[in-house]
Amino acid sequence: MEKTGLKRTDLTDKQLIELALADDQGAFSMLLSRYSKPLKAHVMNYVKVEADADDICQRSFEKAFREIGNYNKRYAFSTWLYTIAQNEAIDHLRRNRSSISAISLETPGVLSLSEDATPEDRVMEDQAVSELLTFIEQLPETYRKVAEYRFIRDFSYEDIADEMSIPLGTVKTRINRARKMLIAMVENKNVNEID
């Protein structure tokens, strides 16, 4: 590196990854510096509390650096890092009781815990969140993103309209239809469990 006159800031992600694989702490620091702000902006799409976003970013970087040997060089480092952060954010939402209230479908039997819930209730709550995420993934593409924004990320209708660049009326219609489909999925699952 000294012979070519390149500074660390001039190195590409791939070059920094090569150095990181050789346990070069400076390369890790450079990647952290390069991606701190964009990663936080990405995570803030999932969580609204800045301190939570900071924690998720820190865990994401730690995991990325710990697992750097598993990074597939065919893909952009940023894509890999953002995927790790997205998974960490979703795990955070599953664990975080204050975020769970945002997932309510306003239907009986779906995430209706009180403040004095027992540990068993919390386990059941986590399972319900997981189940809801699975149901959302099964929605037609037109409704999947609005359902994720509304029921998982707790976006307002206006925020969803801005984020997706669609009219507010369209957002309301899609959320209403997504809610009905999700309720039908929950009811269908419950009927199948009784049979």
Protein backbone atom coordinates (compact mmCIF):
# COMPACT_ATOMS: atom_id res chain seq x y z
CA MET A 1 0.00 0.00 0.00
CA GLU A 2 2.82 2.44 0.84
CA LYS A 3 4.57 1.77 -2.49
CA THR A 4 1.56 2.82 -4.56
CA GLY A 5 0.84 5.89 -2.43
CA LEU A 6 -2.76 4.84 -1.82
CA LYS A 7 -4.47 5.96 1.36
CA ARG A 8 -7.00 3.73 3.13
CA THR A 9 -9.75 6.11 2.06
CA ASP A 10 -8.82 5.43 -1.58
CA LEU A 11 -9.24 1.66 -1.23
CA THR A 12 -12.33 -0.06 -2.61
CA ASP A 13 -14.57 -2.17 -0.41
CA LYS A 14 -13.07 -5.31 -1.95
CA GLN A 15 -9.54 -4.17 -1.09
CA LEU A 16 -10.60 -3.35 2.45
CA ILE A 17 -12.28 -6.75 2.78
CA GLU A 18 -9.03 -8.45 1.73
CA LEU A 19 -7.18 -6.53 4.43
CA ALA A 20 -9.92 -7.28 6.96
CA LEU A 21 -9.64 -10.99 6.16
CA ALA A 22 -5.96 -10.66 7.14
CA ASP A 23 -7.20 -9.22 10.48
CA ASP A 24 -6.20 -5.64 9.62
CA GLN A 25 -8.05 -3.55 12.24
CA GLY A 26 -7.54 -0.38 10.19
CA ALA A 27 -9.55 -1.93 7.36
CA PHE A 28 -12.38 -2.70 9.77
CA SER A 29 -12.26 0.90 10.99
CA MET A 30 -12.40 2.22 7.44
CA LEU A 31 -15.44 0.06 6.59
CA LEU A 32 -17.12 1.20 9.81
CA SER A 33 -16.43 4.82 8.95
CA ARG A 34 -17.63 4.40 5.36
CA TYR A 35 -20.93 2.70 6.25
CA SER A 36 -21.94 4.11 9.66
CA LYS A 37 -24.25 6.86 8.39
CA PRO A 38 -25.87 4.98 5.48
CA LEU A 39 -26.43 1.90 7.64
CA LYS A 40 -28.08 3.97 10.35
CA ALA A 41 -30.37 5.58 7.77
CA HIS A 42 -31.28 2.10 6.53
CA VAL A 43 -32.02 0.84 10.06
CA MET A 44 -34.12 3.95 10.85
CA ASN A 45 -36.55 2.68 8.19
CA TYR A 46 -37.34 -0.14 10.61
CA VAL A 47 -37.10 1.44 14.05
CA LYS A 48 -38.04 4.94 15.14
CA VAL A 49 -35.90 5.24 18.28
CA GLU A 50 -32.43 6.51 17.45
CA ALA A 51 -30.78 4.73 20.40
CA ASP A 52 -32.27 1.43 19.20
CA ALA A 53 -30.98 2.12 15.69
CA ASP A 54 -27.50 2.79 17.10
CA ASP A 55 -27.57 -0.52 19.00
CA ILE A 56 -28.74 -2.41 15.92
CA CYS A 57 -25.99 -0.83 13.81
CA GLN A 58 -23.37 -1.75 16.39
CA ARG A 59 -24.58 -5.38 16.53
CA SER A 60 -24.69 -5.48 12.73
CA PHE A 61 -21.09 -4.28 12.37
CA GLU A 62 -19.94 -6.69 15.08
CA LYS A 63 -21.64 -9.58 13.33
CA ALA A 64 -20.33 -8.56 9.91
CA PHE A 65 -16.76 -8.32 11.18
CA ARG A 66 -17.02 -11.54 13.17
CA GLU A 67 -18.40 -13.37 10.10
CA ILE A 68 -16.24 -11.61 7.49
CA GLY A 69 -14.87 -14.98 6.40
CA ASN A 70 -18.39 -15.96 5.25
CA TYR A 71 -18.82 -12.88 3.05
CA ASN A 72 -19.44 -13.83 -0.60
CA LYS A 73 -17.27 -11.54 -2.74
CA ARG A 74 -19.66 -11.86 -5.70
CA TYR A 75 -21.99 -9.41 -3.95
CA ALA A 76 -21.48 -5.86 -2.77
CA PHE A 77 -20.33 -5.59 0.83
CA SER A 78 -23.05 -3.00 1.43
CA THR A 79 -25.76 -5.47 0.38
CA TRP A 80 -24.43 -8.06 2.81
CA LEU A 81 -24.13 -5.52 5.63
CA TYR A 82 -27.63 -4.12 5.00
CA THR A 83 -29.11 -7.62 5.03
CA ILE A 84 -27.48 -8.31 8.39
CA ALA A 85 -28.84 -5.00 9.71
CA GLN A 86 -32.32 -5.69 8.37
CA ASN A 87 -32.37 -9.07 10.11
CA GLU A 88 -31.12 -7.47 13.34
CA ALA A 89 -33.83 -4.79 13.10
CA ILE A 90 -36.57 -7.38 12.59
CA ASP A 91 -35.24 -9.42 15.51
CA HIS A 92 -35.28 -6.23 17.59
CA LEU A 93 -38.91 -5.58 16.66
CA ARG A 94 -39.80 -9.12 17.63
CA ARG A 95 -38.13 -8.76 21.01
CA ASN A 96 -39.15 -5.22 21.80
CA ARG A 97 -42.50 -5.09 23.53
CA SER A 98 -42.98 -1.39 22.82
CA SER A 99 -42.82 -2.14 19.10
CA ILE A 100 -45.26 -5.04 19.34
CA SER A 101 -48.24 -2.75 19.81
CA ALA A 102 -47.58 -1.44 16.30
CA ILE A 103 -48.24 -4.88 14.85
CA SER A 104 -51.82 -5.20 16.02
CA LEU A 105 -54.26 -6.04 13.27
CA GLU A 106 -57.14 -4.86 15.45
CA THR A 107 -58.53 -8.35 15.58
CA PRO A 108 -58.99 -10.66 18.58
CA GLY A 109 -56.22 -13.13 19.20
CA VAL A 110 -53.48 -11.19 17.45
CA LEU A 111 -50.97 -9.57 19.80
CA SER A 112 -53.15 -8.22 22.57
CA LEU A 113 -50.89 -8.45 25.63
CA SER A 114 -51.18 -6.25 28.67
CA GLU A 115 -48.30 -4.64 30.58
CA ASP A 116 -48.35 -7.41 33.25
CA ALA A 117 -47.88 -10.24 30.75
CA THR A 118 -46.08 -13.34 32.02
CA PRO A 119 -42.92 -14.78 30.42
CA GLU A 120 -45.10 -17.45 28.81
CA ASP A 121 -47.27 -14.71 27.32
CA ARG A 122 -44.17 -13.05 25.92
CA VAL A 123 -43.07 -16.29 24.26
CA MET A 124 -46.51 -16.55 22.70
CA GLU A 125 -46.22 -12.90 21.63
CA ASP A 126 -42.89 -13.59 19.90
CA GLN A 127 -44.48 -16.52 18.10
CA ALA A 128 -47.36 -14.28 17.00
CA VAL A 129 -44.93 -11.70 15.61
CA SER A 130 -43.09 -14.42 13.75
CA GLU A 131 -46.36 -15.75 12.41
CA LEU A 132 -47.45 -12.28 11.29
CA LEU A 133 -44.17 -11.80 9.42
CA THR A 134 -44.75 -15.14 7.70
CA PHE A 135 -48.29 -14.13 6.72
CA ILE A 136 -47.10 -10.76 5.38
CA GLU A 137 -44.56 -12.54 3.20
CA GLN A 138 -47.45 -14.53 1.68
CA LEU A 139 -49.40 -11.43 0.64
CA PRO A 140 -49.48 -10.43 -3.03
CA GLU A 141 -46.64 -8.04 -3.81
CA THR A 142 -49.01 -5.06 -4.12
CA TYR A 143 -49.95 -5.37 -0.44
CA ARG A 144 -46.78 -6.81 1.08
CA LYS A 145 -44.79 -3.58 1.35
CA VAL A 146 -47.62 -1.47 2.79
CA ALA A 147 -48.37 -4.21 5.33
CA GLU A 148 -44.72 -4.35 6.34
CA TYR A 149 -44.53 -0.56 6.69
CA ARG A 150 -47.78 -0.36 8.68
CA PHE A 151 -47.82 -3.49 10.84
CA ILE A 152 -44.09 -4.08 11.35
CA ARG A 153 -42.41 -0.68 11.05
CA ASP A 154 -45.36 1.33 12.46
CA PHE A 155 -45.28 3.94 9.66
CA SER A 156 -48.17 6.38 9.48
CA TYR A 157 -50.31 6.32 6.32
CA GLU A 158 -48.69 9.60 5.26
CA ASP A 159 -45.17 8.22 5.77
CA ILE A 160 -46.04 5.17 3.67
CA ALA A 161 -47.42 7.38 0.89
CA ASP A 162 -44.20 9.43 0.93
CA GLU A 163 -41.93 6.38 1.11
CA MET A 164 -43.67 4.56 -1.75
CA SER A 165 -44.56 7.69 -3.78
CA ILE A 166 -48.21 6.70 -4.05
CA PRO A 167 -51.39 8.62 -3.19
CA LEU A 168 -52.65 8.51 0.40
CA GLY A 169 -55.97 7.03 -0.73
CA THR A 170 -54.12 4.14 -2.39
CA VAL A 171 -52.20 3.52 0.83
CA LYS A 172 -55.41 3.38 2.86
CA THR A 173 -57.05 1.01 0.39
CA ARG A 174 -54.03 -1.32 0.26
CA ILE A 175 -53.67 -1.40 4.05
CA ASN A 176 -57.37 -2.15 4.47
CA ARG A 177 -57.18 -5.00 1.93
CA ALA A 178 -53.93 -6.31 3.42
CA ARG A 179 -55.51 -6.27 6.90
CA LYS A 180 -58.51 -8.27 5.62
CA MET A 181 -56.23 -10.82 3.94
CA LEU A 182 -54.10 -11.16 7.07
CA ILE A 183 -57.17 -11.60 9.27
CA ALA A 184 -58.45 -14.27 6.87
CA MET A 185 -55.08 -16.04 7.06
CA VAL A 186 -55.18 -15.98 10.87
CA GLU A 187 -58.78 -17.23 10.95
CA ASN A 188 -58.02 -19.95 8.40
CA LYS A 189 -55.03 -21.10 10.46
CA ASN A 190 -57.18 -21.18 13.59
CA VAL A 191 -59.89 -23.24 11.84
CA ASN A 192 -57.28 -25.68 10.53
CA GLU A 193 -55.83 -26.09 14.03
CA ILE A 194 -59.27 -26.98 15.41
CA ASP A 195 -59.82 -29.64 12.70
